């Protein structure tokens, strides 16, 4: 294009914002307005105030304004993680359910028409055996049972399904807790910042600071800015470096900044907040510059041919992707209502089946006569001998006298 390039820095090391007088601009925007530069080939974030005084090319980067916190010293050692999977009430309900099941197996063995142990097994089935059945089913092991009655089958199938669901919930939650890192700061919105008494910093004369100032009326972001930052110079820092130092050194302090600034930074963590905002950055030019159309055309050609995408893959796209594991979802009491409800239904059905089988057994004994048993020969002879002796002693012995 036959022109010479002279590179220079912003004299005040600022991106560009309105000065306190409300008329003049500082930073790179002020340099363009003053005619001291033709082009700012840096990702300057677009906003309506800047667009009124300078021109922008088509967007070249997408950023997200969010809160940034200092990372912790490392994962905490959780000695009771195996017990924290379920809330305390669920553990007590589970223990009570296992006890009820153990007694249920014992009653089915005792009152049912057929026992639960093999015929050759002389061991009596006790409630401890029933507890062993529950524990073995929970860890997906087998137990030799004789299930020839409907009550035994219903109780066993219900216990097996309940144990499978509870074990699956426990295993999935435990896996999630051990494979995902919990957030170092429990902040998910500016509402959390207000309720938990956190402090937010912003870099002065930047689009992030302007975003806080121009946030929607009534939003948590705007309420925080009006009450804590509007007339507070200590809430603004001169640059990202100073912001990092204060966030790392001051407790409960966050920095409102673009997430791309912290890509690859292991000491700071951009938080995922629900009221974060997206932003587009582009190159900036003087208002009405003759280079605007030329640059836009060539940038569009770079997007069309895939050149811009290849540059993203090399410099920004892969680095900005979040490859960390999702936050763990802890199971609550409501998640375990279904298996315990299924268990209660199965217990009711097994109890009904046990009562029906007991009633049928009693009716069968009442109306069906037992066939006469065959008496062995020796038993018959012994009985006849005792009967003859009694007769002789009682009738003939005294008559002979």
Protein backbone atom coordinates (compact mmCIF):
# COMPACT_ATOMS: atom_id res chain seq x y z
CA UNK A 1 0.00 0.00 0.00
CA UNK A 2 3.14 2.15 -0.11
CA UNK A 3 3.19 3.76 3.36
CA UNK A 4 5.64 3.77 6.24
CA UNK A 5 4.82 2.38 9.69
CA UNK A 6 5.97 4.10 12.85
CA UNK A 7 5.09 2.32 16.09
CA UNK A 8 4.67 4.11 19.40
CA UNK A 9 3.11 3.45 22.81
CA UNK A 10 0.32 5.21 24.61
CA UNK A 11 1.90 8.14 26.48
CA UNK A 12 -0.14 7.53 29.65
CA UNK A 13 -0.23 3.72 29.27
CA UNK A 14 -4.03 3.68 29.12
CA UNK A 15 -6.44 2.19 26.62
CA UNK A 16 -8.71 5.20 26.52
CA UNK A 17 -11.59 6.68 28.49
CA UNK A 18 -13.22 10.04 29.13
CA UNK A 19 -11.35 12.33 31.45
CA UNK A 20 -13.10 13.76 34.53
CA UNK A 21 -14.02 16.90 32.54
CA UNK A 22 -16.30 14.72 30.39
CA UNK A 23 -14.99 16.18 27.13
CA UNK A 24 -11.44 15.00 26.44
CA UNK A 25 -10.13 11.48 26.19
CA UNK A 26 -6.96 9.83 27.47
CA UNK A 27 -5.02 6.78 26.34
CA UNK A 28 -5.02 5.38 22.83
CA UNK A 29 -8.41 6.89 22.05
CA UNK A 30 -7.10 10.34 22.92
CA UNK A 31 -4.09 9.78 20.65
CA UNK A 32 -6.39 8.98 17.70
CA UNK A 33 -8.64 11.97 18.40
CA UNK A 34 -5.62 14.27 18.54
CA UNK A 35 -4.41 13.02 15.16
CA UNK A 36 -1.13 11.72 16.57
CA UNK A 37 -1.78 8.24 15.14
CA UNK A 38 -3.69 6.82 12.21
CA UNK A 39 -4.26 3.29 13.47
CA UNK A 40 -4.27 1.36 16.74
CA UNK A 41 -3.48 -2.26 15.70
CA UNK A 42 -4.40 -3.61 19.10
CA UNK A 43 -7.56 -5.34 20.35
CA UNK A 44 -9.38 -2.23 21.54
CA UNK A 45 -12.79 -3.12 22.93
CA UNK A 46 -15.77 -1.50 21.25
CA UNK A 47 -18.34 0.50 23.19
CA UNK A 48 -20.79 3.19 22.18
CA UNK A 49 -18.82 6.04 23.77
CA UNK A 50 -15.65 5.16 21.89
CA UNK A 51 -17.55 4.55 18.66
CA UNK A 52 -18.83 8.11 18.78
CA UNK A 53 -15.32 9.60 18.51
CA UNK A 54 -13.26 6.95 16.61
CA UNK A 55 -13.84 4.25 14.01
CA UNK A 56 -13.48 0.48 14.49
CA UNK A 57 -12.78 -2.30 12.04
CA UNK A 58 -14.80 -5.50 12.00
CA UNK A 59 -14.39 -7.47 15.27
CA UNK A 60 -11.26 -9.60 15.44
CA UNK A 61 -11.59 -11.09 18.93
CA UNK A 62 -14.39 -12.07 21.29
CA UNK A 63 -13.74 -11.57 24.98
CA UNK A 64 -15.71 -11.95 28.17
CA UNK A 65 -15.66 -9.60 31.13
CA UNK A 66 -15.68 -11.52 34.37
CA UNK A 67 -14.37 -11.53 37.91
CA UNK A 68 -10.88 -12.90 38.49
CA UNK A 69 -9.70 -14.42 41.78
CA UNK A 70 -6.36 -15.67 43.05
CA UNK A 71 -6.00 -19.42 42.96
CA UNK A 72 -5.63 -21.35 46.19
CA UNK A 73 -2.52 -23.14 47.32
CA UNK A 74 -3.75 -26.53 46.11
CA UNK A 75 -6.54 -29.03 46.61
CA UNK A 76 -7.67 -29.57 50.16
CA UNK A 77 -7.32 -32.98 51.78
CA UNK A 78 -10.81 -34.27 52.46
CA UNK A 79 -10.58 -37.08 54.98
CA UNK A 80 -14.34 -37.54 55.21
CA UNK A 81 -15.09 -37.35 51.49
CA UNK A 82 -16.48 -40.91 51.54
CA UNK A 83 -18.98 -39.92 54.23
CA UNK A 84 -19.86 -36.54 52.71
CA UNK A 85 -21.35 -38.07 49.57
CA UNK A 86 -24.81 -38.24 51.16
CA UNK A 87 -26.26 -35.87 53.76
CA UNK A 88 -26.49 -37.20 57.31
CA UNK A 89 -30.28 -37.88 57.11
CA UNK A 90 -29.73 -40.12 54.08
CA UNK A 91 -27.18 -42.22 55.96
CA UNK A 92 -29.62 -42.75 58.84
CA UNK A 93 -32.46 -43.56 56.46
CA UNK A 94 -30.22 -46.02 54.61
CA UNK A 95 -29.19 -47.72 57.85
CA UNK A 96 -32.83 -47.96 58.91
CA UNK A 97 -33.79 -49.37 55.50
CA UNK A 98 -31.07 -52.04 55.73
CA UNK A 99 -32.31 -52.99 59.22
CA UNK A 100 -35.90 -53.28 57.99
CA UNK A 101 -34.74 -55.42 55.07
CA UNK A 102 -32.75 -57.70 57.38
CA UNK A 103 -35.84 -58.25 59.53
CA UNK A 104 -37.90 -58.74 56.39
CA UNK A 105 -35.66 -61.54 55.15
CA UNK A 106 -35.78 -63.11 58.61
CA UNK A 107 -39.61 -62.99 58.68
CA UNK A 108 -39.85 -64.45 55.19
CA UNK A 109 -37.57 -67.29 56.26
CA UNK A 110 -39.47 -67.89 59.50
CA UNK A 111 -43.08 -67.43 58.40
CA UNK A 112 -42.84 -68.39 54.77
CA UNK A 113 -43.63 -71.88 53.46
CA UNK A 114 -39.99 -72.47 52.49
CA UNK A 115 -36.81 -71.28 54.24
CA UNK A 116 -34.20 -69.12 52.56
CA UNK A 117 -31.28 -71.49 53.18
CA UNK A 118 -30.54 -74.66 51.28
CA UNK A 119 -32.04 -77.88 52.65
CA UNK A 120 -28.62 -79.33 53.43
CA UNK A 121 -27.56 -76.15 55.25
CA UNK A 122 -28.26 -76.65 58.93
CA UNK A 123 -27.50 -73.02 59.83
CA UNK A 124 -30.53 -71.10 61.02
CA UNK A 125 -31.26 -67.89 59.05
CA UNK A 126 -30.98 -64.98 61.50
CA UNK A 127 -31.41 -61.18 61.14
CA UNK A 128 -27.62 -60.97 60.82
CA UNK A 129 -27.87 -63.12 57.71
CA UNK A 130 -30.44 -60.65 56.40
CA UNK A 131 -28.05 -57.75 57.05
CA UNK A 132 -25.33 -59.71 55.22
CA UNK A 133 -27.65 -60.03 52.22
CA UNK A 134 -28.18 -56.24 52.14
CA UNK A 135 -24.47 -55.45 52.45
CA UNK A 136 -23.47 -57.96 49.78
CA UNK A 137 -26.09 -56.61 47.39
CA UNK A 138 -24.83 -53.06 48.01
CA UNK A 139 -21.34 -54.05 46.90
CA UNK A 140 -22.82 -56.18 44.10
CA UNK A 141 -21.91 -59.57 45.49
CA UNK A 142 -24.05 -62.72 45.66
CA UNK A 143 -25.59 -64.64 48.57
CA UNK A 144 -27.00 -68.21 48.28
CA UNK A 145 -30.73 -67.97 48.86
CA UNK A 146 -33.64 -70.32 48.19
CA UNK A 147 -36.40 -68.22 46.64
CA UNK A 148 -39.34 -70.54 46.14
CA UNK A 149 -41.95 -68.15 47.55
CA UNK A 150 -43.38 -64.97 46.03
CA UNK A 151 -42.52 -62.93 49.13
CA UNK A 152 -38.86 -63.97 48.93
CA UNK A 153 -38.67 -63.11 45.22
CA UNK A 154 -40.32 -59.69 45.67
CA UNK A 155 -38.15 -58.81 48.64
CA UNK A 156 -34.95 -59.88 46.92
CA UNK A 157 -35.70 -58.04 43.65
CA UNK A 158 -36.65 -54.86 45.52
CA UNK A 159 -33.52 -55.01 47.67
CA UNK A 160 -31.33 -55.64 44.63
CA UNK A 161 -32.78 -52.68 42.70
CA UNK A 162 -32.55 -50.37 45.73
CA UNK A 163 -28.94 -51.41 46.37
CA UNK A 164 -28.02 -50.90 42.72
CA UNK A 165 -29.48 -47.38 42.54
CA UNK A 166 -27.97 -46.26 45.84
CA UNK A 167 -24.58 -47.69 44.91
CA UNK A 168 -24.73 -46.00 41.48
CA UNK A 169 -25.55 -42.63 43.03
CA UNK A 170 -22.77 -43.02 45.57
CA UNK A 171 -20.21 -44.09 42.97
CA UNK A 172 -21.06 -41.28 40.53
CA UNK A 173 -20.91 -38.57 43.19
CA UNK A 174 -17.67 -39.92 44.60
CA UNK A 175 -16.14 -39.97 41.12
CA UNK A 176 -17.25 -36.38 40.48
CA UNK A 177 -15.76 -35.17 43.75
CA UNK A 178 -12.42 -36.88 43.07
CA UNK A 179 -12.07 -35.79 39.43
CA UNK A 180 -13.17 -32.15 39.51
CA UNK A 181 -11.62 -29.28 41.40
CA UNK A 182 -14.08 -27.24 43.47
CA UNK A 183 -14.02 -23.48 42.86
CA UNK A 184 -11.56 -21.62 45.04
CA UNK A 185 -13.99 -18.72 45.48
CA UNK A 186 -17.74 -19.29 45.99
CA UNK A 187 -18.77 -16.38 43.75
CA UNK A 188 -21.19 -16.92 40.87
CA UNK A 189 -22.63 -13.42 40.43
CA UNK A 190 -22.34 -9.83 41.59
CA UNK A 191 -25.18 -10.60 43.96
CA UNK A 192 -22.81 -13.01 45.71
CA UNK A 193 -20.19 -10.24 45.82
CA UNK A 194 -22.65 -7.99 47.66
CA UNK A 195 -24.00 -10.61 50.08
CA UNK A 196 -20.58 -12.08 50.91
CA UNK A 197 -18.89 -8.68 51.28
CA UNK A 198 -16.24 -9.06 48.57
CA UNK A 199 -14.31 -6.15 47.07
CA UNK A 200 -14.06 -5.62 43.29
CA UNK A 201 -11.29 -3.74 41.49
CA UNK A 202 -11.17 -2.49 37.90
CA UNK A 203 -8.43 -1.10 35.68
CA UNK A 204 -8.90 2.63 35.23
CA UNK A 205 -9.75 4.05 31.78
CA UNK A 206 -10.65 0.68 30.26
CA UNK A 207 -13.74 -0.82 28.72
CA UNK A 208 -14.19 -3.04 31.76
CA UNK A 209 -14.43 -0.01 34.03
CA UNK A 210 -16.88 1.59 31.60
CA UNK A 211 -18.94 -1.61 31.56
CA UNK A 212 -19.40 -1.37 35.32
CA UNK A 213 -20.40 2.27 35.07
CA UNK A 214 -22.91 1.73 32.25
CA UNK A 215 -24.45 -1.51 33.58
CA UNK A 216 -28.22 -1.73 33.56
CA UNK A 217 -30.13 0.17 36.20
CA UNK A 218 -31.15 -2.03 39.12
CA UNK A 219 -28.74 -4.85 38.30
CA UNK A 220 -26.42 -6.20 40.98
CA UNK A 221 -23.42 -4.97 38.99
CA UNK A 222 -24.75 -1.43 38.81
CA UNK A 223 -25.79 -1.42 42.48
CA UNK A 224 -22.31 -2.51 43.50
CA UNK A 225 -20.68 0.15 41.34
CA UNK A 226 -22.91 2.94 42.65
CA UNK A 227 -22.36 2.04 46.29
CA UNK A 228 -18.70 0.97 46.29
CA UNK A 229 -16.82 2.26 43.22
CA UNK A 230 -18.32 5.48 41.84
CA UNK A 231 -16.48 7.90 44.11
CA UNK A 232 -13.83 5.50 45.39
CA UNK A 233 -10.44 5.94 43.71
CA UNK A 234 -9.05 2.97 45.63
CA UNK A 235 -11.39 0.70 43.66
CA UNK A 236 -9.43 1.42 40.46
CA UNK A 237 -5.91 0.33 39.58
CA UNK A 238 -3.52 1.70 36.99
CA UNK A 239 -3.02 -1.61 35.20
CA UNK A 240 -3.53 -5.33 35.26
CA UNK A 241 -0.22 -5.89 37.05
CA UNK A 242 -1.28 -3.74 40.00
CA UNK A 243 -4.66 -5.46 40.01
CA UNK A 244 -3.01 -8.87 40.26
CA UNK A 245 -0.85 -7.74 43.15
CA UNK A 246 -3.82 -6.45 45.11
CA UNK A 247 -5.96 -9.50 44.42
CA UNK A 248 -3.15 -11.79 45.55
CA UNK A 249 -2.33 -9.72 48.64
CA UNK A 250 -5.73 -8.57 49.89
CA UNK A 251 -8.37 -11.01 51.22
CA UNK A 252 -11.77 -11.26 49.52
CA UNK A 253 -10.66 -9.09 46.61
CA UNK A 254 -11.55 -9.69 42.94
CA UNK A 255 -10.59 -8.00 39.67
CA UNK A 256 -13.14 -7.28 36.93
CA UNK A 257 -11.22 -7.91 33.71
CA UNK A 258 -11.26 -9.71 30.37
CA UNK A 259 -10.74 -13.46 30.66
CA UNK A 260 -8.24 -13.42 27.76
CA UNK A 261 -5.81 -11.43 29.89
CA UNK A 262 -5.45 -14.42 32.22
CA UNK A 263 -5.17 -17.22 29.66
CA UNK A 264 -2.44 -19.60 30.82
CA UNK A 265 -1.97 -17.78 34.13
CA UNK A 266 -1.75 -20.47 36.83
CA UNK A 267 -1.93 -18.00 39.71
CA UNK A 268 -5.32 -16.49 38.86
CA UNK A 269 -8.68 -17.97 37.96
CA UNK A 270 -11.38 -16.25 35.85
CA UNK A 271 -14.69 -17.07 37.54
CA UNK A 272 -17.79 -18.23 35.71
CA UNK A 273 -20.36 -15.66 36.75
CA UNK A 274 -23.91 -15.49 35.45
CA UNK A 275 -23.85 -11.72 34.92
CA UNK A 276 -20.61 -11.56 32.98
CA UNK A 277 -20.74 -9.86 29.60
CA UNK A 278 -19.28 -10.49 26.19
CA UNK A 279 -17.23 -7.92 24.31
CA UNK A 280 -15.80 -7.50 20.82
CA UNK A 281 -12.40 -6.02 20.23
CA UNK A 282 -11.11 -4.57 16.97
CA UNK A 283 -8.52 -2.23 15.55
CA UNK A 284 -9.23 1.47 15.96
CA UNK A 285 -8.74 4.37 13.53
CA UNK A 286 -9.39 8.08 13.37
CA UNK A 287 -12.99 9.06 12.79
CA UNK A 288 -13.69 8.97 9.03
CA UNK A 289 -10.29 7.43 8.22
CA UNK A 290 -9.65 6.42 4.62
CA UNK A 291 -8.10 3.18 5.82
CA UNK A 292 -11.25 1.84 7.47
CA UNK A 293 -12.79 0.31 4.35
CA UNK A 294 -9.46 -1.11 3.15
CA UNK A 295 -8.76 -2.79 6.47
CA UNK A 296 -12.30 -4.15 6.76
CA UNK A 297 -12.12 -5.67 3.29
CA UNK A 298 -8.82 -7.41 3.94
CA UNK A 299 -9.89 -8.60 7.38
CA UNK A 300 -13.05 -10.05 5.86
CA UNK A 301 -10.91 -11.80 3.25
CA UNK A 302 -8.82 -13.32 6.05
CA UNK A 303 -11.99 -14.69 7.62
CA UNK A 304 -13.24 -15.94 4.26
CA UNK A 305 -10.05 -17.80 3.38
CA UNK A 306 -9.61 -19.27 6.87
CA UNK A 307 -6.42 -17.37 7.60
CA UNK A 308 -7.94 -15.67 10.63
CA UNK A 309 -9.13 -19.02 11.95
CA UNK A 310 -5.63 -20.47 11.64
CA UNK A 311 -4.27 -17.51 13.57
CA UNK A 312 -6.88 -18.13 16.28
CA UNK A 313 -5.84 -21.76 16.49
CA UNK A 314 -2.22 -20.78 16.88
CA UNK A 315 -2.43 -17.82 19.21
CA UNK A 316 -5.78 -17.46 20.94
CA UNK A 317 -8.43 -20.09 20.24
CA UNK A 318 -6.82 -23.15 21.79
CA UNK A 319 -5.37 -21.19 24.68
CA UNK A 320 -8.73 -19.59 25.50
CA UNK A 321 -10.61 -22.89 25.55
CA UNK A 322 -11.52 -24.25 28.94
CA UNK A 323 -10.46 -27.89 29.23
CA UNK A 324 -10.99 -28.19 32.97
CA UNK A 325 -13.55 -30.59 34.37
CA UNK A 326 -17.02 -29.36 35.14
CA UNK A 327 -17.99 -28.62 38.70
CA UNK A 328 -19.09 -31.61 40.73
CA UNK A 329 -22.82 -32.03 41.22
CA UNK A 330 -23.42 -33.27 44.74
CA UNK A 331 -26.39 -35.54 45.21
CA UNK A 332 -28.94 -34.35 47.73
CA UNK A 333 -31.71 -35.98 49.69
CA UNK A 334 -34.14 -35.51 46.78
CA UNK A 335 -31.92 -37.57 44.48
CA UNK A 336 -32.33 -40.63 46.69
CA UNK A 337 -36.10 -40.46 47.09
CA UNK A 338 -36.74 -42.77 44.13
CA UNK A 339 -34.71 -45.79 45.34
CA UNK A 340 -36.10 -45.48 48.86
CA UNK A 341 -39.62 -45.10 47.48
CA UNK A 342 -39.04 -48.19 45.37
CA UNK A 343 -37.81 -50.00 48.45
CA UNK A 344 -40.91 -49.05 50.45
CA UNK A 345 -43.16 -50.28 47.63
CA UNK A 346 -41.31 -53.58 47.45
CA UNK A 347 -41.55 -54.09 51.22
CA UNK A 348 -45.31 -53.54 51.11
CA UNK A 349 -45.72 -56.00 48.23
CA UNK A 350 -43.50 -58.57 49.94
CA UNK A 351 -45.50 -58.23 53.17
CA UNK A 352 -48.76 -58.73 51.27
CA UNK A 353 -47.33 -61.77 49.51
CA UNK A 354 -46.10 -63.20 52.81
CA UNK A 355 -49.53 -62.77 54.42
CA UNK A 356 -51.24 -64.34 51.40
CA UNK A 357 -48.88 -67.31 51.42
CA UNK A 358 -49.36 -67.81 55.17
CA UNK A 359 -53.15 -67.71 54.82
CA UNK A 360 -53.03 -70.14 51.91
CA UNK A 361 -50.80 -72.48 53.92
CA UNK A 362 -53.22 -72.45 56.87
CA UNK A 363 -56.24 -73.12 54.64
CA UNK A 364 -54.40 -75.94 52.95
CA UNK A 365 -53.65 -77.63 56.28
CA UNK A 366 -57.27 -77.29 57.38
CA UNK A 367 -58.98 -78.76 54.35
CA UNK A 368 -56.51 -81.36 53.10
CA UNK A 369 -56.34 -84.69 55.12
CA UNK A 370 -52.97 -86.30 55.54
CA UNK A 371 -52.67 -89.93 54.27
CA UNK A 372 -51.99 -92.62 56.97
CA UNK A 373 -48.34 -93.26 57.53
CA UNK A 374 -46.92 -96.76 57.16
CA UNK A 375 -45.66 -98.07 60.49
CA UNK A 376 -42.50 -100.19 60.36
CA UNK A 377 -42.82 -103.85 61.41
CA UNK A 378 -40.67 -103.58 64.52
CA UNK A 379 -42.66 -100.59 65.71
CA UNK A 380 -45.93 -102.54 65.21
CA UNK A 381 -44.60 -105.55 67.14
CA UNK A 382 -43.43 -103.39 70.04
CA UNK A 383 -46.78 -101.64 70.20
CA UNK A 384 -48.70 -104.98 70.11
CA UNK A 385 -46.47 -106.43 72.85
CA UNK A 386 -47.10 -103.47 75.14
CA UNK A 387 -50.80 -103.66 74.44
CA UNK A 388 -50.94 -107.48 75.27
CA UNK A 389 -48.99 -107.02 78.46
CA UNK A 390 -51.30 -104.30 79.62
CA UNK A 391 -54.35 -106.44 78.82
CA UNK A 392 -52.95 -109.55 80.55
CA UNK A 393 -51.94 -107.61 83.60
CA UNK A 394 -55.26 -105.85 83.88
CA UNK A 395 -57.70 -108.74 83.09
CA UNK A 396 -56.27 -112.27 83.37
CA UNK A 397 -53.81 -112.16 86.21
CA UNK A 398 -56.37 -111.43 88.93
CA UNK A 399 -58.96 -113.87 87.53
CA UNK A 400 -56.50 -116.81 87.95
CA UNK A 401 -56.40 -116.14 91.63
